[in-house]
Amino acid sequence: MSPEYDVKLADRGYTVDVRKLDEGGLLVVKVGSQSFTLKPTLNDDGAWTVSDTAGDHRVRILKKAGSKVSVEVNGQVCDIEWVRIRKQEEGTPKTTSASGPRVDGGVYPPMPGKISEVLVKPGDKVKSGQVVCILEAMKMFNELKSPSAGLVKEINVKPGSSVTTSTLLILIE
């Protein structure tokens, strides 16, 4: 899976690549041809301190709705829209269905509906067949299960989200 994102900020588009540098929490973030080494630290008040060679920056997430997020950076508010670029790793089988390409380890709904409950969070260990979320469709509640054992890498929905059969709900790696 690629750690690249298409990011829209102030009506300008960027390709952003984020890679973990070490277990100490350092990140290498590439924006176009520029590269930054960042150290994010979660503060007690829920804000983040992001350190780089220029100094420390206070970052606070104000609102998050799907792929849109409103953040405050050093007192200045900006709205960001982002989409993860999903690239197929070489040697990884590509699965497809009538609803389009699928990501291995992805949990997809079998029919359109609304997510009523998410039972896991990023970093949780799950077993193959473990119920990870509940889909309400056609006045019925459907248990959606992990396709394999692993760690929850991403959660792309929250309770109340409307989804289609091509929506990647949860990614297990």
N, C-alpha and C. Protein backbone atom coordinates (compact mmCIF):
# COMPACT_ATOMS: atom_id res chain seq x y z
N MET A 1 0.84 -1.17 0.00
CA MET A 1 0.00 0.00 0.00
C MET A 1 0.89 1.24 0.00
N SER A 2 0.56 2.19 -0.79
CA SER A 2 1.32 3.41 -0.91
C SER A 2 0.96 4.41 0.18
N PRO A 3 1.96 5.11 0.74
CA PRO A 3 1.65 6.15 1.72
C PRO A 3 1.52 7.52 1.05
N GLU A 4 1.04 7.57 -0.19
CA GLU A 4 0.89 8.83 -0.90
C GLU A 4 -0.55 9.33 -0.82
N TYR A 5 -0.67 10.66 -0.85
CA TYR A 5 -1.98 11.30 -0.75
C TYR A 5 -2.08 12.40 -1.79
N ASP A 6 -3.27 12.57 -2.36
CA ASP A 6 -3.58 13.76 -3.14
C ASP A 6 -4.20 14.73 -2.15
N VAL A 7 -3.59 15.91 -2.02
CA VAL A 7 -4.03 16.89 -1.03
C VAL A 7 -4.41 18.18 -1.74
N LYS A 8 -5.54 18.75 -1.32
CA LYS A 8 -5.99 20.03 -1.86
C LYS A 8 -6.00 21.03 -0.72
N LEU A 9 -5.24 22.11 -0.88
CA LEU A 9 -5.12 23.16 0.13
C LEU A 9 -5.18 24.49 -0.58
N ALA A 10 -6.13 25.33 -0.18
CA ALA A 10 -6.30 26.66 -0.79
C ALA A 10 -6.41 26.56 -2.31
N ASP A 11 -7.25 25.64 -2.77
CA ASP A 11 -7.52 25.43 -4.20
C ASP A 11 -6.29 25.02 -5.01
N ARG A 12 -5.25 24.54 -4.35
CA ARG A 12 -4.07 24.04 -5.04
C ARG A 12 -3.90 22.56 -4.70
N GLY A 13 -3.51 21.77 -5.68
CA GLY A 13 -3.33 20.35 -5.47
C GLY A 13 -1.87 19.98 -5.25
N TYR A 14 -1.63 19.02 -4.38
CA TYR A 14 -0.29 18.54 -4.08
C TYR A 14 -0.32 17.02 -3.97
N THR A 15 0.80 16.40 -4.32
CA THR A 15 0.98 14.98 -4.02
C THR A 15 1.91 14.93 -2.82
N VAL A 16 1.46 14.25 -1.77
CA VAL A 16 2.20 14.19 -0.52
C VAL A 16 2.52 12.74 -0.20
N ASP A 17 3.79 12.47 0.09
CA ASP A 17 4.26 11.14 0.43
C ASP A 17 4.69 11.18 1.90
N VAL A 18 4.16 10.28 2.73
CA VAL A 18 4.48 10.25 4.16
C VAL A 18 5.08 8.90 4.48
N ARG A 19 6.27 8.92 5.06
CA ARG A 19 6.94 7.67 5.43
C ARG A 19 7.48 7.79 6.85
N LYS A 20 7.33 6.70 7.59
CA LYS A 20 7.87 6.62 8.94
C LYS A 20 9.37 6.39 8.82
N LEU A 21 10.17 7.26 9.47
CA LEU A 21 11.62 7.15 9.38
C LEU A 21 12.17 6.14 10.37
N ASP A 22 11.63 6.15 11.60
CA ASP A 22 12.13 5.23 12.62
C ASP A 22 11.05 4.99 13.65
N GLU A 23 11.35 4.14 14.63
CA GLU A 23 10.39 3.82 15.69
C GLU A 23 10.24 4.97 16.68
N GLY A 24 11.09 5.99 16.60
CA GLY A 24 11.01 7.14 17.49
C GLY A 24 9.95 8.13 17.08
N GLY A 25 9.26 7.87 15.98
CA GLY A 25 8.16 8.74 15.57
C GLY A 25 8.51 9.76 14.52
N LEU A 26 9.75 9.76 14.02
CA LEU A 26 10.12 10.71 12.98
C LEU A 26 9.45 10.33 11.66
N LEU A 27 8.98 11.34 10.94
CA LEU A 27 8.34 11.15 9.64
C LEU A 27 9.11 11.91 8.59
N VAL A 28 9.19 11.35 7.39
CA VAL A 28 9.70 12.07 6.24
C VAL A 28 8.49 12.36 5.36
N VAL A 29 8.23 13.64 5.14
CA VAL A 29 7.08 14.06 4.35
C VAL A 29 7.60 14.78 3.11
N LYS A 30 7.24 14.24 1.93
CA LYS A 30 7.64 14.87 0.67
C LYS A 30 6.41 15.53 0.06
N VAL A 31 6.56 16.80 -0.27
CA VAL A 31 5.52 17.56 -0.96
C VAL A 31 6.15 18.01 -2.26
N GLY A 32 5.73 17.36 -3.36
CA GLY A 32 6.37 17.64 -4.64
C GLY A 32 7.83 17.26 -4.55
N SER A 33 8.74 18.19 -4.85
CA SER A 33 10.18 17.91 -4.79
C SER A 33 10.81 18.28 -3.45
N GLN A 34 10.03 18.86 -2.54
CA GLN A 34 10.56 19.24 -1.23
C GLN A 34 10.35 18.12 -0.22
N SER A 35 11.32 17.98 0.68
CA SER A 35 11.25 16.93 1.70
C SER A 35 11.42 17.55 3.08
N PHE A 36 10.63 17.07 4.05
CA PHE A 36 10.66 17.58 5.41
C PHE A 36 10.76 16.41 6.38
N THR A 37 11.58 16.56 7.42
CA THR A 37 11.64 15.58 8.49
C THR A 37 10.89 16.18 9.67
N LEU A 38 9.85 15.48 10.12
CA LEU A 38 8.96 16.01 11.17
C LEU A 38 8.89 15.06 12.35
N LYS A 39 8.71 15.62 13.52
CA LYS A 39 8.52 14.84 14.75
C LYS A 39 7.21 15.31 15.39
N PRO A 40 6.11 14.56 15.20
CA PRO A 40 4.84 14.94 15.83
C PRO A 40 4.76 14.39 17.26
N THR A 41 4.25 15.21 18.18
CA THR A 41 4.07 14.79 19.57
C THR A 41 2.69 15.24 20.01
N LEU A 42 1.89 14.30 20.54
CA LEU A 42 0.55 14.61 21.02
C LEU A 42 0.65 15.25 22.40
N ASN A 43 0.02 16.42 22.56
CA ASN A 43 0.01 17.14 23.83
C ASN A 43 -1.16 16.70 24.69
N ASP A 44 -1.12 17.03 25.97
CA ASP A 44 -2.19 16.67 26.91
C ASP A 44 -3.53 17.29 26.52
N ASP A 45 -3.51 18.45 25.85
CA ASP A 45 -4.76 19.14 25.48
C ASP A 45 -5.36 18.65 24.17
N GLY A 46 -4.76 17.60 23.56
CA GLY A 46 -5.28 17.05 22.31
C GLY A 46 -4.69 17.68 21.07
N ALA A 47 -3.93 18.76 21.22
CA ALA A 47 -3.24 19.38 20.08
C ALA A 47 -1.92 18.64 19.87
N TRP A 48 -1.28 18.93 18.74
CA TRP A 48 0.00 18.31 18.41
C TRP A 48 1.08 19.37 18.36
N THR A 49 2.28 19.01 18.74
CA THR A 49 3.45 19.84 18.48
C THR A 49 4.22 19.10 17.40
N VAL A 50 4.41 19.77 16.26
CA VAL A 50 5.14 19.17 15.14
C VAL A 50 6.45 19.94 15.01
N SER A 51 7.54 19.24 15.24
CA SER A 51 8.87 19.87 15.20
C SER A 51 9.53 19.58 13.87
N ASP A 52 10.19 20.61 13.32
CA ASP A 52 11.03 20.45 12.14
C ASP A 52 12.28 21.29 12.36
N THR A 53 13.12 21.43 11.34
CA THR A 53 14.37 22.18 11.50
C THR A 53 14.13 23.66 11.76
N ALA A 54 12.97 24.18 11.39
CA ALA A 54 12.65 25.61 11.61
C ALA A 54 12.11 25.87 13.00
N GLY A 55 11.69 24.83 13.71
CA GLY A 55 11.14 25.03 15.05
C GLY A 55 9.92 24.18 15.30
N ASP A 56 9.17 24.56 16.33
CA ASP A 56 7.96 23.82 16.71
C ASP A 56 6.72 24.52 16.18
N HIS A 57 5.75 23.73 15.76
CA HIS A 57 4.48 24.25 15.25
C HIS A 57 3.35 23.59 16.02
N ARG A 58 2.39 24.39 16.47
CA ARG A 58 1.23 23.86 17.19
C ARG A 58 0.15 23.55 16.15
N VAL A 59 -0.31 22.30 16.13
CA VAL A 59 -1.32 21.86 15.17
C VAL A 59 -2.49 21.27 15.95
N ARG A 60 -3.68 21.74 15.61
CA ARG A 60 -4.89 21.25 16.28
C ARG A 60 -5.93 20.93 15.21
N ILE A 61 -6.49 19.73 15.29
CA ILE A 61 -7.56 19.34 14.36
C ILE A 61 -8.86 19.92 14.91
N LEU A 62 -9.51 20.75 14.10
CA LEU A 62 -10.74 21.41 14.53
C LEU A 62 -11.98 20.60 14.16
N LYS A 63 -11.98 20.08 12.93
CA LYS A 63 -13.15 19.35 12.44
C LYS A 63 -12.70 18.38 11.37
N LYS A 64 -13.27 17.17 11.42
CA LYS A 64 -12.94 16.16 10.42
C LYS A 64 -14.24 15.55 9.92
N ALA A 65 -14.40 15.54 8.60
CA ALA A 65 -15.60 14.96 7.98
C ALA A 65 -15.16 14.24 6.71
N GLY A 66 -15.03 12.92 6.79
CA GLY A 66 -14.60 12.15 5.63
C GLY A 66 -13.20 12.53 5.21
N SER A 67 -13.03 12.98 3.97
CA SER A 67 -11.71 13.34 3.47
C SER A 67 -11.39 14.81 3.68
N LYS A 68 -12.26 15.54 4.35
CA LYS A 68 -12.02 16.96 4.61
C LYS A 68 -11.70 17.16 6.08
N VAL A 69 -10.69 18.00 6.31
CA VAL A 69 -10.31 18.29 7.68
C VAL A 69 -9.98 19.78 7.80
N SER A 70 -10.37 20.35 8.92
CA SER A 70 -10.07 21.74 9.21
C SER A 70 -9.07 21.74 10.36
N VAL A 71 -7.88 22.34 10.11
CA VAL A 71 -6.84 22.36 11.12
C VAL A 71 -6.40 23.78 11.43
N GLU A 72 -5.89 23.93 12.63
CA GLU A 72 -5.30 25.21 13.05
C GLU A 72 -3.80 24.96 13.20
N VAL A 73 -3.00 25.74 12.46
CA VAL A 73 -1.55 25.62 12.54
C VAL A 73 -1.00 26.96 13.01
N ASN A 74 -0.41 26.95 14.20
CA ASN A 74 0.13 28.18 14.81
C ASN A 74 -0.90 29.32 14.79
N GLY A 75 -2.16 28.98 15.08
CA GLY A 75 -3.21 29.99 15.17
C GLY A 75 -3.91 30.31 13.87
N GLN A 76 -3.44 29.80 12.76
CA GLN A 76 -4.06 30.05 11.45
C GLN A 76 -4.86 28.81 11.03
N VAL A 77 -6.14 29.02 10.67
CA VAL A 77 -7.03 27.93 10.29
C VAL A 77 -6.95 27.69 8.79
N CYS A 78 -6.88 26.41 8.40
CA CYS A 78 -6.91 26.06 6.98
C CYS A 78 -7.72 24.79 6.78
N ASP A 79 -8.36 24.70 5.64
CA ASP A 79 -9.15 23.53 5.28
C ASP A 79 -8.38 22.71 4.27
N ILE A 80 -8.32 21.41 4.53
CA ILE A 80 -7.55 20.50 3.69
C ILE A 80 -8.48 19.37 3.25
N GLU A 81 -8.35 18.98 1.99
CA GLU A 81 -9.06 17.81 1.49
C GLU A 81 -8.01 16.83 1.02
N TRP A 82 -8.12 15.56 1.43
CA TRP A 82 -7.09 14.59 1.07
C TRP A 82 -7.72 13.25 0.69
N VAL A 83 -7.03 12.57 -0.20
CA VAL A 83 -7.44 11.23 -0.64
C VAL A 83 -6.19 10.39 -0.72
N ARG A 84 -6.21 9.23 -0.10
CA ARG A 84 -5.06 8.33 -0.17
C ARG A 84 -4.99 7.72 -1.55
N ILE A 85 -3.79 7.73 -2.13
CA ILE A 85 -3.56 7.12 -3.44
C ILE A 85 -3.25 5.66 -3.17
N ARG A 86 -4.05 4.79 -3.72
CA ARG A 86 -3.87 3.36 -3.49
C ARG A 86 -3.17 2.75 -4.70
N LYS A 87 -1.93 2.35 -4.48
CA LYS A 87 -1.16 1.70 -5.53
C LYS A 87 -1.03 0.24 -5.20
N GLN A 88 -1.13 -0.59 -6.21
CA GLN A 88 -0.98 -2.02 -6.01
C GLN A 88 0.51 -2.34 -5.91
N GLU A 89 0.91 -2.98 -4.82
CA GLU A 89 2.31 -3.38 -4.65
C GLU A 89 2.63 -4.46 -5.67
N GLU A 90 3.86 -4.45 -6.16
CA GLU A 90 4.29 -5.46 -7.13
C GLU A 90 4.24 -6.84 -6.49
N GLY A 91 3.68 -7.82 -7.18
CA GLY A 91 3.60 -9.17 -6.65
C GLY A 91 2.35 -9.42 -5.82
N THR A 92 1.58 -8.37 -5.53
CA THR A 92 0.36 -8.52 -4.76
C THR A 92 -0.78 -8.78 -5.73
N PRO A 93 -1.56 -9.84 -5.51
CA PRO A 93 -2.66 -10.10 -6.43
C PRO A 93 -3.69 -8.98 -6.38
N LYS A 94 -4.17 -8.61 -7.54
CA LYS A 94 -5.16 -7.55 -7.63
C LYS A 94 -6.53 -8.20 -7.68
N THR A 95 -7.38 -7.82 -6.73
CA THR A 95 -8.72 -8.40 -6.72
C THR A 95 -9.69 -7.37 -7.26
N THR A 96 -10.63 -7.85 -8.05
CA THR A 96 -11.65 -6.97 -8.58
C THR A 96 -12.99 -7.65 -8.43
N SER A 97 -14.02 -6.87 -8.52
CA SER A 97 -15.37 -7.41 -8.47
C SER A 97 -16.25 -6.56 -9.37
N ALA A 98 -17.50 -6.87 -9.39
CA ALA A 98 -18.43 -6.10 -10.22
C ALA A 98 -18.46 -4.64 -9.78
N SER A 99 -18.10 -4.37 -8.53
CA SER A 99 -18.15 -3.00 -8.04
C SER A 99 -16.83 -2.27 -8.22
N GLY A 100 -15.82 -2.91 -8.85
CA GLY A 100 -14.56 -2.24 -9.12
C GLY A 100 -13.40 -2.86 -8.37
N PRO A 101 -12.21 -2.23 -8.46
CA PRO A 101 -11.02 -2.78 -7.83
C PRO A 101 -11.17 -2.83 -6.31
N ARG A 102 -10.58 -3.85 -5.72
CA ARG A 102 -10.61 -4.02 -4.27
C ARG A 102 -9.19 -4.07 -3.75
N VAL A 103 -9.00 -3.58 -2.54
CA VAL A 103 -7.70 -3.61 -1.88
C VAL A 103 -7.66 -4.85 -0.99
N ASP A 104 -6.58 -5.65 -1.08
CA ASP A 104 -6.44 -6.81 -0.22
C ASP A 104 -6.46 -6.35 1.23
N GLY A 105 -7.20 -7.08 2.07
CA GLY A 105 -7.33 -6.72 3.48
C GLY A 105 -8.42 -5.69 3.73
N GLY A 106 -9.12 -5.30 2.68
CA GLY A 106 -10.17 -4.30 2.81
C GLY A 106 -11.50 -4.92 3.21
N VAL A 107 -12.26 -4.20 4.01
CA VAL A 107 -13.62 -4.60 4.37
C VAL A 107 -14.57 -3.70 3.58
N TYR A 108 -15.41 -4.33 2.75
CA TYR A 108 -16.34 -3.62 1.89
C TYR A 108 -17.76 -4.08 2.21
N PRO A 109 -18.76 -3.20 2.08
CA PRO A 109 -20.13 -3.63 2.32
C PRO A 109 -20.65 -4.46 1.14
N PRO A 110 -21.50 -5.45 1.42
CA PRO A 110 -22.04 -6.27 0.34
C PRO A 110 -23.17 -5.57 -0.42
N MET A 111 -23.67 -4.47 0.16
CA MET A 111 -24.75 -3.70 -0.46
C MET A 111 -24.69 -2.27 0.08
N PRO A 112 -25.31 -1.31 -0.62
CA PRO A 112 -25.34 0.06 -0.10
C PRO A 112 -26.10 0.10 1.23
N GLY A 113 -25.73 1.04 2.06
CA GLY A 113 -26.40 1.18 3.35
C GLY A 113 -25.77 2.27 4.18
N LYS A 114 -25.99 2.16 5.49
CA LYS A 114 -25.48 3.15 6.43
C LYS A 114 -24.75 2.41 7.55
N ILE A 115 -23.58 2.90 7.91
CA ILE A 115 -22.81 2.29 9.00
C ILE A 115 -23.48 2.67 10.32
N SER A 116 -23.86 1.68 11.10
CA SER A 116 -24.51 1.96 12.39
C SER A 116 -23.52 1.87 13.55
N GLU A 117 -22.45 1.09 13.36
CA GLU A 117 -21.49 0.94 14.46
C GLU A 117 -20.13 0.49 13.91
N VAL A 118 -19.06 1.07 14.44
CA VAL A 118 -17.69 0.63 14.14
C VAL A 118 -17.14 0.04 15.43
N LEU A 119 -16.72 -1.21 15.38
CA LEU A 119 -16.35 -1.95 16.59
C LEU A 119 -14.85 -2.03 16.84
N VAL A 120 -14.04 -1.43 15.96
CA VAL A 120 -12.58 -1.46 16.12
C VAL A 120 -12.03 -0.05 15.96
N LYS A 121 -10.75 0.09 16.29
CA LYS A 121 -10.07 1.37 16.09
C LYS A 121 -8.69 1.09 15.49
N PRO A 122 -8.04 2.09 14.87
CA PRO A 122 -6.72 1.86 14.29
C PRO A 122 -5.76 1.28 15.33
N GLY A 123 -5.01 0.27 14.90
CA GLY A 123 -4.04 -0.37 15.79
C GLY A 123 -4.57 -1.62 16.48
N ASP A 124 -5.89 -1.84 16.46
CA ASP A 124 -6.47 -3.04 17.08
C ASP A 124 -6.03 -4.29 16.33
N LYS A 125 -5.77 -5.37 17.07
CA LYS A 125 -5.52 -6.68 16.46
C LYS A 125 -6.87 -7.34 16.25
N VAL A 126 -7.07 -7.91 15.06
CA VAL A 126 -8.32 -8.60 14.78
C VAL A 126 -8.03 -10.01 14.27
N LYS A 127 -9.00 -10.89 14.47
CA LYS A 127 -8.92 -12.25 13.98
C LYS A 127 -9.68 -12.35 12.67
N SER A 128 -9.35 -13.31 11.85
CA SER A 128 -10.10 -13.55 10.63
C SER A 128 -11.54 -13.89 11.00
N GLY A 129 -12.49 -13.21 10.38
CA GLY A 129 -13.90 -13.45 10.65
C GLY A 129 -14.47 -12.65 11.82
N GLN A 130 -13.64 -11.84 12.48
CA GLN A 130 -14.12 -11.02 13.60
C GLN A 130 -14.99 -9.89 13.06
N VAL A 131 -16.11 -9.62 13.73
CA VAL A 131 -17.00 -8.54 13.33
C VAL A 131 -16.30 -7.20 13.62
N VAL A 132 -16.19 -6.36 12.58
CA VAL A 132 -15.49 -5.08 12.74
C VAL A 132 -16.42 -3.88 12.64
N CYS A 133 -17.58 -4.05 11.98
CA CYS A 133 -18.57 -2.97 11.93
C CYS A 133 -19.94 -3.54 11.57
N ILE A 134 -20.95 -2.72 11.77
CA ILE A 134 -22.34 -3.12 11.50
C ILE A 134 -22.89 -2.19 10.42
N LEU A 135 -23.48 -2.80 9.39
CA LEU A 135 -24.09 -2.08 8.28
C LEU A 135 -25.60 -2.22 8.37
N GLU A 136 -26.29 -1.10 8.32
CA GLU A 136 -27.75 -1.13 8.25
C GLU A 136 -28.16 -0.96 6.79
N ALA A 137 -28.86 -1.97 6.27
CA ALA A 137 -29.30 -1.94 4.89
C ALA A 137 -30.63 -2.68 4.80
N MET A 138 -31.57 -2.12 4.10
CA MET A 138 -32.88 -2.72 3.90
C MET A 138 -33.53 -3.11 5.24
N LYS A 139 -33.41 -2.23 6.22
CA LYS A 139 -34.00 -2.39 7.56
C LYS A 139 -33.45 -3.60 8.32
N MET A 140 -32.25 -4.03 7.92
CA MET A 140 -31.59 -5.14 8.60
C MET A 140 -30.19 -4.70 9.00
N PHE A 141 -29.67 -5.30 10.07
CA PHE A 141 -28.32 -5.03 10.52
C PHE A 141 -27.43 -6.19 10.09
N ASN A 142 -26.34 -5.86 9.37
CA ASN A 142 -25.44 -6.86 8.83
C ASN A 142 -24.08 -6.73 9.50
N GLU A 143 -23.55 -7.84 10.02
CA GLU A 143 -22.22 -7.85 10.61
C GLU A 143 -21.20 -7.96 9.50
N LEU A 144 -20.27 -7.02 9.43
CA LEU A 144 -19.20 -7.08 8.45
C LEU A 144 -17.94 -7.55 9.16
N LYS A 145 -17.29 -8.56 8.58
CA LYS A 145 -16.19 -9.24 9.26
C LYS A 145 -14.85 -9.00 8.59
N SER A 146 -13.81 -9.12 9.39
CA SER A 146 -12.45 -9.00 8.89
C SER A 146 -12.15 -10.15 7.93
N PRO A 147 -11.56 -9.85 6.76
CA PRO A 147 -11.25 -10.92 5.81
C PRO A 147 -10.03 -11.75 6.23
N SER A 148 -9.24 -11.21 7.19
CA SER A 148 -8.03 -11.91 7.62
C SER A 148 -7.62 -11.41 9.00
N ALA A 149 -6.71 -12.14 9.61
CA ALA A 149 -6.15 -11.68 10.88
C ALA A 149 -5.13 -10.59 10.58
N GLY A 150 -4.99 -9.64 11.49
CA GLY A 150 -4.00 -8.58 11.30
C GLY A 150 -4.28 -7.39 12.19
N LEU A 151 -3.73 -6.25 11.80
CA LEU A 151 -3.92 -5.00 12.53
C LEU A 151 -4.82 -4.07 11.72
N VAL A 152 -5.68 -3.34 12.41
CA VAL A 152 -6.53 -2.35 11.75
C VAL A 152 -5.63 -1.18 11.39
N LYS A 153 -5.46 -0.94 10.09
CA LYS A 153 -4.59 0.12 9.58
C LYS A 153 -5.36 1.42 9.38
N GLU A 154 -6.58 1.32 8.81
CA GLU A 154 -7.38 2.51 8.50
C GLU A 154 -8.84 2.25 8.82
N ILE A 155 -9.53 3.30 9.24
CA ILE A 155 -10.98 3.28 9.34
C ILE A 155 -11.45 4.50 8.56
N ASN A 156 -12.21 4.27 7.50
CA ASN A 156 -12.61 5.34 6.59
C ASN A 156 -14.06 5.77 6.76
N VAL A 157 -14.75 5.23 7.76
CA VAL A 157 -16.16 5.57 8.00
C VAL A 157 -16.39 5.77 9.49
N LYS A 158 -17.54 6.34 9.79
CA LYS A 158 -17.96 6.48 11.18
C LYS A 158 -19.46 6.18 11.21
N PRO A 159 -20.00 5.94 12.39
CA PRO A 159 -21.44 5.68 12.46
C PRO A 159 -22.23 6.82 11.79
N GLY A 160 -23.19 6.41 10.96
CA GLY A 160 -24.01 7.39 10.23
C GLY A 160 -23.55 7.59 8.80
N SER A 161 -22.35 7.09 8.44
CA SER A 161 -21.83 7.25 7.08
C SER A 161 -22.66 6.41 6.11
N SER A 162 -23.04 7.01 4.99
CA SER A 162 -23.68 6.26 3.91
C SER A 162 -22.59 5.68 3.04
N VAL A 163 -22.74 4.40 2.64
CA VAL A 163 -21.70 3.72 1.88
C VAL A 163 -22.28 2.98 0.69
N THR A 164 -21.41 2.71 -0.29
CA THR A 164 -21.78 1.89 -1.45
C THR A 164 -20.90 0.65 -1.43
N THR A 165 -21.13 -0.25 -2.36
CA THR A 165 -20.36 -1.50 -2.39
C THR A 165 -18.89 -1.28 -2.72
N SER A 166 -18.53 -0.12 -3.25
CA SER A 166 -17.12 0.15 -3.58
C SER A 166 -16.40 0.93 -2.47
N THR A 167 -17.08 1.24 -1.37
CA THR A 167 -16.48 2.00 -0.29
C THR A 167 -15.57 1.11 0.55
N LEU A 168 -14.29 1.49 0.67
CA LEU A 168 -13.38 0.78 1.57
C LEU A 168 -13.67 1.27 2.97
N LEU A 169 -14.26 0.40 3.79
CA LEU A 169 -14.66 0.78 5.14
C LEU A 169 -13.48 0.75 6.10
N ILE A 170 -12.82 -0.41 6.14
CA ILE A 170 -11.73 -0.65 7.07
C ILE A 170 -10.63 -1.41 6.33
N LEU A 171 -9.38 -1.07 6.63
CA LEU A 171 -8.25 -1.76 6.02
C LEU A 171 -7.52 -2.54 7.11
N ILE A 172 -7.35 -3.83 6.88
CA ILE A 172 -6.63 -4.73 7.79
C ILE A 172 -5.32 -5.12 7.13
N GLU A 173 -4.20 -4.91 7.80
CA GLU A 173 -2.90 -5.32 7.25
C GLU A 173 -2.21 -6.26 8.18
